[in-house]
Amino acid sequence: MDPQLKWIQPGGGVICHLELAWGHVRRWWLKTFRRGYVRRMAELRKGDFNGCPHEVLDPRDVKFFRNQGGYFWEPADDPFRWRDKIPFARTGLCELFVFSLITFGPAIALICWLTCPCSTTLSASARIVAWLSFTTLAVIGLLIVWFFRNPPRTVPTAPGLIVSPADGKIVAIDEIEHDEFLGGPAVQIGIFLSIFNVHINRAPVAGRVIGLRYRPGKYLNALRPESARENEQLAVRMQETEFPFRRYIVRQITGAIARRIVCWLKPGDSLARGEQFGMIKLGSRTELVLPREVALKLRVQLGDKVKAGTSILAEFQT
């Protein structure tokens, strides 16, 4: 495990720290007023050590530290498992809540003010400014809600298929003479994610996580080729769980707007094809490195639009 990966969002973030601060208040409230609940959750808790820097009372406390191992709850014992069924990214719910307050809150206040009798004294220009402000806030709020969406995906099941790890547009297909981790020649596919794309990352194949590498960096526009080399990024190294045990790399790269990589994996974790493992918050780039073999057939070309877990990028023919 990369020692820099102390939690699932290595680049930090104001809202994440606000959520962690709220956790102190929540744990105090639970220990003071819901002692029976705390005892019950302690009885159901699995794991033999605390991988979090704070006390763990229920599954919410391990949200940001899932990649550290330690305490966990079985899905059937997790009272907050229902949040996975919400059509929004669970790791972005706090941002969604805060940004909704910032945008929809003032928008609602404006519309209430504009429709109340006291607003009749406003000048025409003031009313125009107020309506424009309302529209701007509402549109920004809707865009934020749209950004954090997490729609269900139907993952293809045929053998040998490699699905897209991200939604977006194919902006690069490069051949690599030799990749150290793959142990030979490789093909690298670059996917650009605009702010309008779903930003959930998914596993391209069924595999086991071999390692993770995090590198701080710049926040260049993700459309620029040098962003793949210079921007903050996290590389997930994985290996197929079935013969011939090919190796792959999925690289999450930040952009000019997207500055928060989220990845809750740790070495040894197993993933099904198309399974979610992280996200990049607001516009970014994702790269997939796969072994170049005679049996490899690419199914995409530059400019193609793809969807994570659904679109087939390539296949190994038998």
Protein backbone atom coordinates (compact mmCIF):
# COMPACT_ATOMS: atom_id res chain seq x y z
CA MET A 1 0.00 0.00 0.00
CA ASP A 2 1.32 3.43 -0.95
CA PRO A 3 2.04 5.19 2.39
CA GLN A 4 0.59 8.40 0.92
CA LEU A 5 -2.86 6.79 0.74
CA LYS A 6 -3.98 7.42 4.30
CA TRP A 7 -7.64 7.72 3.28
CA ILE A 8 -9.81 7.32 0.18
CA GLN A 9 -9.41 10.95 -0.96
CA PRO A 10 -5.65 11.59 -0.82
CA GLY A 11 -5.91 15.13 -2.17
CA GLY A 12 -8.02 16.20 0.80
CA GLY A 13 -10.90 18.64 0.50
CA VAL A 14 -12.79 21.18 2.59
CA ILE A 15 -16.12 19.35 2.51
CA CYS A 16 -14.54 16.03 3.48
CA HIS A 17 -12.93 17.69 6.49
CA LEU A 18 -16.29 19.22 7.38
CA GLU A 19 -17.84 15.75 7.25
CA LEU A 20 -15.05 14.37 9.44
CA ALA A 21 -15.59 17.20 11.92
CA TRP A 22 -19.31 16.44 11.98
CA GLY A 23 -18.38 12.85 12.81
CA HIS A 24 -17.04 13.97 16.20
CA VAL A 25 -20.41 15.54 17.02
CA ARG A 26 -22.32 12.49 15.75
CA ARG A 27 -20.24 10.05 17.81
CA TRP A 28 -20.72 12.17 20.95
CA TRP A 29 -24.48 12.17 20.37
CA LEU A 30 -24.58 8.39 19.81
CA LYS A 31 -22.54 7.63 22.94
CA THR A 32 -24.68 9.99 25.01
CA PHE A 33 -28.19 9.28 23.78
CA ARG A 34 -28.07 5.98 21.85
CA ARG A 35 -25.96 3.67 23.96
CA GLY A 36 -28.00 0.60 23.04
CA TYR A 37 -27.36 1.23 19.35
CA VAL A 38 -23.64 1.67 20.02
CA ARG A 39 -23.50 -1.66 21.91
CA ARG A 40 -25.40 -3.46 19.15
CA MET A 41 -23.13 -2.12 16.41
CA ALA A 42 -20.05 -3.10 18.44
CA GLU A 43 -21.37 -6.67 18.67
CA LEU A 44 -21.92 -6.83 14.89
CA ARG A 45 -18.59 -5.24 13.99
CA LYS A 46 -15.98 -7.39 12.22
CA GLY A 47 -12.22 -6.94 11.99
CA ASP A 48 -9.48 -7.01 14.59
CA PHE A 49 -8.11 -3.45 14.53
CA ASN A 50 -9.15 0.15 14.01
CA GLY A 51 -7.73 1.54 10.78
CA CYS A 52 -9.26 4.98 11.38
CA PRO A 53 -7.69 7.90 13.29
CA HIS A 54 -10.86 8.18 15.38
CA GLU A 55 -13.24 5.94 17.31
CA VAL A 56 -15.44 3.65 15.18
CA LEU A 57 -19.07 3.27 16.28
CA ASP A 58 -20.89 2.42 13.05
CA PRO A 59 -20.20 2.04 9.29
CA ARG A 60 -20.26 5.80 8.71
CA ASP A 61 -17.03 6.10 10.68
CA VAL A 62 -15.04 3.97 8.22
CA LYS A 63 -16.34 5.71 5.07
CA PHE A 64 -13.15 7.68 4.39
CA PHE A 65 -10.78 4.96 5.63
CA ARG A 66 -12.07 1.85 3.85
CA ASN A 67 -8.70 1.46 2.13
CA GLN A 68 -6.92 1.02 5.47
CA GLY A 69 -8.53 -2.31 6.37
CA GLY A 70 -9.60 -3.09 9.92
CA TYR A 71 -13.15 -2.75 11.23
CA PHE A 72 -16.10 -3.39 8.93
CA TRP A 73 -19.70 -4.60 8.95
CA GLU A 74 -21.31 -7.25 6.80
CA PRO A 75 -23.78 -5.76 4.28
CA ALA A 76 -26.73 -7.32 6.13
CA ASP A 77 -25.62 -5.61 9.36
CA ASP A 78 -25.03 -2.17 7.84
CA PRO A 79 -28.04 0.07 8.63
CA PHE A 80 -26.85 2.58 6.03
CA ARG A 81 -26.52 0.14 3.14
CA TRP A 82 -29.63 1.68 1.58
CA ARG A 83 -27.52 4.68 0.60
CA ASP A 84 -25.88 2.54 -2.08
CA LYS A 85 -29.27 2.36 -3.81
CA ILE A 86 -29.58 6.14 -4.10
CA PRO A 87 -28.92 7.14 -7.75
CA PHE A 88 -26.08 9.41 -6.65
CA ALA A 89 -22.43 8.72 -5.81
CA ARG A 90 -22.32 7.80 -2.13
CA THR A 91 -18.88 9.35 -1.68
CA GLY A 92 -20.26 12.61 -3.03
CA LEU A 93 -23.42 12.86 -0.93
CA CYS A 94 -21.91 15.43 1.43
CA GLU A 95 -20.78 17.64 -1.47
CA LEU A 96 -24.21 17.22 -3.03
CA PHE A 97 -25.87 18.32 0.21
CA VAL A 98 -23.58 21.33 0.76
CA PHE A 99 -23.70 22.57 -2.84
CA SER A 100 -27.48 22.11 -2.91
CA LEU A 101 -27.77 24.32 0.17
CA ILE A 102 -25.52 26.94 -1.42
CA THR A 103 -27.46 27.02 -4.71
CA PHE A 104 -31.03 25.88 -4.11
CA GLY A 105 -31.27 27.62 -0.73
CA PRO A 106 -30.78 31.16 -2.06
CA ALA A 107 -32.78 30.26 -5.20
CA ILE A 108 -35.79 29.28 -3.09
CA ALA A 109 -35.40 32.42 -0.98
CA LEU A 110 -35.33 34.55 -4.13
CA ILE A 111 -38.43 32.96 -5.65
CA CYS A 112 -40.31 33.36 -2.37
CA TRP A 113 -39.30 37.01 -2.22
CA LEU A 114 -40.21 37.66 -5.86
CA THR A 115 -43.66 36.13 -5.46
CA CYS A 116 -44.56 37.85 -2.19
CA PRO A 117 -46.58 41.12 -2.15
CA CYS A 118 -43.66 43.11 -0.74
CA SER A 119 -41.72 42.71 -4.00
CA THR A 120 -44.22 44.79 -5.98
CA THR A 121 -42.26 47.92 -5.09
CA LEU A 122 -39.15 46.65 -6.88
CA SER A 123 -38.07 48.41 -10.05
CA ALA A 124 -38.17 46.52 -13.34
CA SER A 125 -34.36 46.33 -13.50
CA ALA A 126 -34.16 44.97 -9.93
CA ARG A 127 -36.72 42.27 -10.77
CA ILE A 128 -34.74 41.28 -13.86
CA VAL A 129 -31.55 40.97 -11.80
CA ALA A 130 -33.38 38.91 -9.19
CA TRP A 131 -34.86 36.55 -11.78
CA LEU A 132 -31.48 36.16 -13.50
CA SER A 133 -29.88 35.36 -10.13
CA PHE A 134 -32.57 32.78 -9.41
CA THR A 135 -32.12 31.15 -12.82
CA THR A 136 -28.32 31.07 -12.47
CA LEU A 137 -28.45 29.49 -9.01
CA ALA A 138 -31.05 26.93 -10.10
CA VAL A 139 -29.07 25.92 -13.20
CA ILE A 140 -25.81 25.58 -11.24
CA GLY A 141 -27.61 23.50 -8.61
CA LEU A 142 -29.12 21.21 -11.24
CA LEU A 143 -25.71 20.76 -12.90
CA ILE A 144 -24.19 19.73 -9.57
CA VAL A 145 -26.99 17.23 -8.95
CA TRP A 146 -26.49 15.91 -12.50
CA PHE A 147 -22.73 15.59 -11.96
CA PHE A 148 -23.06 13.35 -8.89
CA ARG A 149 -25.57 10.98 -10.51
CA ASN A 150 -24.80 7.26 -10.42
CA PRO A 151 -27.07 5.43 -12.88
CA PRO A 152 -27.25 1.62 -12.95
CA ARG A 153 -25.24 -0.11 -15.66
CA THR A 154 -25.66 -3.45 -17.42
CA VAL A 155 -22.22 -5.07 -17.60
CA PRO A 156 -21.51 -7.44 -20.54
CA THR A 157 -20.66 -10.96 -19.42
CA ALA A 158 -18.97 -12.58 -22.43
CA PRO A 159 -15.40 -13.80 -21.77
CA GLY A 160 -12.40 -11.79 -22.91
CA LEU A 161 -14.13 -8.40 -22.90
CA ILE A 162 -12.58 -5.26 -21.44
CA VAL A 163 -15.11 -2.58 -20.51
CA SER A 164 -14.52 1.11 -20.10
CA PRO A 165 -13.38 2.24 -16.63
CA ALA A 166 -14.99 5.66 -17.13
CA ASP A 167 -17.63 7.63 -18.99
CA GLY A 168 -16.34 10.11 -21.54
CA LYS A 169 -14.63 10.50 -24.89
CA ILE A 170 -11.66 8.53 -26.24
CA VAL A 171 -8.91 11.14 -26.70
CA ALA A 172 -5.80 8.94 -26.94
CA ILE A 173 -4.81 5.44 -28.03
CA ASP A 174 -1.06 4.98 -27.66
CA GLU A 175 1.27 2.03 -27.96
CA ILE A 176 3.87 1.52 -25.23
CA GLU A 177 7.04 -0.41 -26.01
CA HIS A 178 7.38 -1.82 -22.51
CA ASP A 179 5.40 -1.35 -19.32
CA GLU A 180 7.20 -2.39 -16.16
CA PHE A 181 4.11 -3.61 -14.31
CA LEU A 182 2.58 -5.44 -17.28
CA GLY A 183 5.98 -6.89 -18.15
CA GLY A 184 5.81 -6.21 -21.87
CA PRO A 185 4.33 -4.06 -24.65
CA ALA A 186 1.04 -2.34 -23.89
CA VAL A 187 -1.75 -0.17 -25.26
CA GLN A 188 -2.83 2.92 -23.35
CA ILE A 189 -6.33 4.32 -23.85
CA GLY A 190 -7.10 7.83 -22.59
CA ILE A 191 -10.66 8.90 -21.74
CA PHE A 192 -11.62 12.54 -21.14
CA LEU A 193 -14.49 13.18 -18.72
CA SER A 194 -16.31 16.50 -19.03
CA ILE A 195 -18.35 17.94 -16.17
CA PHE A 196 -21.44 16.48 -17.86
CA ASN A 197 -20.24 12.87 -17.69
CA VAL A 198 -20.85 10.39 -14.88
CA HIS A 199 -17.63 10.39 -12.85
CA ILE A 200 -17.81 6.96 -11.23
CA ASN A 201 -14.87 4.66 -12.08
CA ARG A 202 -15.44 0.96 -12.69
CA ALA A 203 -13.20 -2.09 -13.05
CA PRO A 204 -12.46 -2.98 -16.71
CA VAL A 205 -12.09 -6.70 -15.92
CA ALA A 206 -12.64 -9.07 -13.04
CA GLY A 207 -9.44 -8.95 -11.06
CA ARG A 208 -7.51 -8.58 -7.85
CA VAL A 209 -5.79 -5.39 -6.76
CA ILE A 210 -2.01 -5.86 -6.73
CA GLY A 211 -1.07 -2.36 -5.65
CA LEU A 212 -1.85 1.35 -5.76
CA ARG A 213 0.46 4.24 -6.62
CA TYR A 214 -0.42 7.85 -5.80
CA ARG A 215 1.42 10.86 -7.17
CA PRO A 216 0.62 14.48 -6.27
CA GLY A 217 0.84 16.91 -9.17
CA LYS A 218 -0.60 19.80 -11.12
CA TYR A 219 -4.18 20.48 -12.21
CA LEU A 220 -3.80 21.08 -15.93
CA ASN A 221 -6.74 20.83 -18.32
CA ALA A 222 -7.35 17.09 -18.74
CA LEU A 223 -7.59 17.55 -22.54
CA ARG A 224 -3.92 18.52 -22.69
CA PRO A 225 -1.65 15.50 -23.35
CA GLU A 226 0.85 16.60 -20.69
CA SER A 227 -1.86 16.36 -18.03
CA ALA A 228 -1.39 12.58 -18.06
CA ARG A 229 2.23 13.08 -16.96
CA GLU A 230 2.03 16.13 -14.71
CA ASN A 231 -1.36 16.08 -12.97
CA GLU A 232 -2.21 14.47 -9.65
CA GLN A 233 -3.01 10.81 -10.27
CA LEU A 234 -3.67 7.45 -8.68
CA ALA A 235 -2.83 4.21 -10.48
CA VAL A 236 -4.74 1.03 -9.62
CA ARG A 237 -2.69 -2.02 -10.56
CA MET A 238 -4.71 -5.19 -10.95
CA GLN A 239 -4.46 -8.72 -12.27
CA GLU A 240 -7.14 -10.98 -13.73
CA THR A 241 -8.48 -13.64 -11.40
CA GLU A 242 -8.56 -16.25 -14.18
CA PHE A 243 -6.00 -17.64 -16.61
CA PRO A 244 -3.94 -16.17 -18.29
CA PHE A 245 -3.87 -13.68 -15.38
CA ARG A 246 -3.20 -10.58 -17.48
CA ARG A 247 -2.28 -7.37 -15.71
CA TYR A 248 -3.89 -3.96 -16.17
CA ILE A 249 -3.54 -0.42 -14.87
CA VAL A 250 -6.40 2.03 -14.38
CA ARG A 251 -5.11 5.54 -13.82
CA GLN A 252 -7.33 8.23 -12.26
CA ILE A 253 -6.08 11.71 -13.21
CA THR A 254 -7.33 15.07 -11.99
CA GLY A 255 -8.16 18.02 -14.25
CA ALA A 256 -8.40 21.79 -14.06
CA ILE A 257 -11.79 21.59 -12.32
CA ALA A 258 -11.72 18.06 -10.92
CA ARG A 259 -9.18 18.10 -8.10
CA ARG A 260 -10.36 15.24 -5.93
CA ILE A 261 -9.56 11.60 -6.66
CA VAL A 262 -11.54 9.04 -4.66
CA CYS A 263 -10.49 5.38 -4.50
CA TRP A 264 -11.51 3.00 -1.72
CA LEU A 265 -9.44 0.01 -2.84
CA LYS A 266 -6.55 -1.65 -1.04
CA PRO A 267 -4.14 -4.40 -2.13
CA GLY A 268 -5.83 -7.81 -2.11
CA ASP A 269 -9.32 -6.52 -2.89
CA SER A 270 -11.22 -8.43 -5.57
CA LEU A 271 -13.36 -6.69 -8.17
CA ALA A 272 -15.98 -7.96 -10.57
CA ARG A 273 -16.00 -6.61 -14.11
CA GLY A 274 -17.82 -3.28 -14.06
CA GLU A 275 -17.74 -2.95 -10.26
CA GLN A 276 -17.40 0.57 -8.87
CA PHE A 277 -14.15 1.42 -7.10
CA GLY A 278 -13.93 5.21 -7.00
CA MET A 279 -14.64 8.51 -8.71
CA ILE A 280 -13.02 11.77 -9.75
CA LYS A 281 -14.97 14.83 -8.66
CA LEU A 282 -15.67 17.29 -11.50
CA GLY A 283 -14.13 16.89 -15.00
CA SER A 284 -11.00 14.76 -15.40
CA ARG A 285 -9.19 11.98 -17.27
CA THR A 286 -8.97 8.21 -16.86
CA GLU A 287 -6.42 5.97 -18.56
CA LEU A 288 -6.44 2.22 -19.08
CA VAL A 289 -3.22 0.34 -19.81
CA LEU A 290 -3.67 -3.20 -21.14
CA PRO A 291 -1.24 -5.78 -22.54
CA ARG A 292 -0.62 -5.67 -26.29
CA GLU A 293 -1.00 -9.20 -27.62
CA VAL A 294 -1.78 -10.76 -30.98
CA ALA A 295 -5.20 -11.77 -29.65
CA LEU A 296 -6.05 -8.19 -28.62
CA LYS A 297 -8.66 -6.43 -30.74
CA LEU A 298 -9.55 -2.81 -30.01
CA ARG A 299 -13.24 -2.01 -30.30
CA VAL A 300 -12.98 1.80 -30.05
CA GLN A 301 -11.30 4.63 -31.94
CA LEU A 302 -10.47 8.26 -31.27
CA GLY A 303 -13.55 10.39 -30.68
CA ASP A 304 -15.81 7.55 -29.56
CA LYS A 305 -18.12 8.19 -26.58
CA VAL A 306 -18.01 5.46 -23.94
CA LYS A 307 -19.79 4.56 -20.72
CA ALA A 308 -18.14 2.95 -17.70
CA GLY A 309 -18.95 -0.72 -17.19
CA THR A 310 -21.02 -0.92 -20.38
CA SER A 311 -18.94 0.11 -23.39
CA ILE A 312 -16.48 -2.49 -24.67
CA LEU A 313 -13.03 -0.98 -25.28
CA ALA A 314 -11.29 -4.15 -26.40
CA GLU A 315 -11.40 -7.93 -26.29
CA PHE A 316 -8.97 -10.81 -26.26
CA GLN A 317 -10.09 -13.23 -28.95
CA THR A 318 -9.58 -16.94 -28.52
